């Protein structure tokens, strides 16, 4: 009987030790396996390839990884707006382009291409074109009246 009790106590101690070790090991959050630059390059490659849904998903993933209010977020939003526009989601594209332009520094010449993309998206949007047309009509009428007076 003594041996059985010793074996039982030893087995119980072993179970407690294993449970303690398992609880003591901290669970670490997995860090992203790619850098932001690698995600940017992958999204740009999908854009060039023409895989529109995958490119949009990649730009959205990149947007989520960038700091709110940062220049990187602005670039991601502008690139995302171009992908949205290609998927015929012009209202969402206009919203993203405007938000991206608001985050870009106006005096940085390295961002000229991204500003051009955003302005192209804004100018190509049916919503923006109709707004510009509505604003241009009174101007045309004033020019005609001015031309008649001469």
Foldseek 3Di string as FASTA:
>chain_A
DVVVVVVVVVVVVVVVVVVVVVVPDDDDDDDDPDDLVVLVVVLVVCVVVPVLVVSLVSLVVSLVVDDPLALSNLLSLLSNLLSCVVVVNLVSSLVSLVSSVVSHDPPDPVCPVSVVSSVVSLCPRPVNVVVVVVVVVVVVVVVVVVVVVD
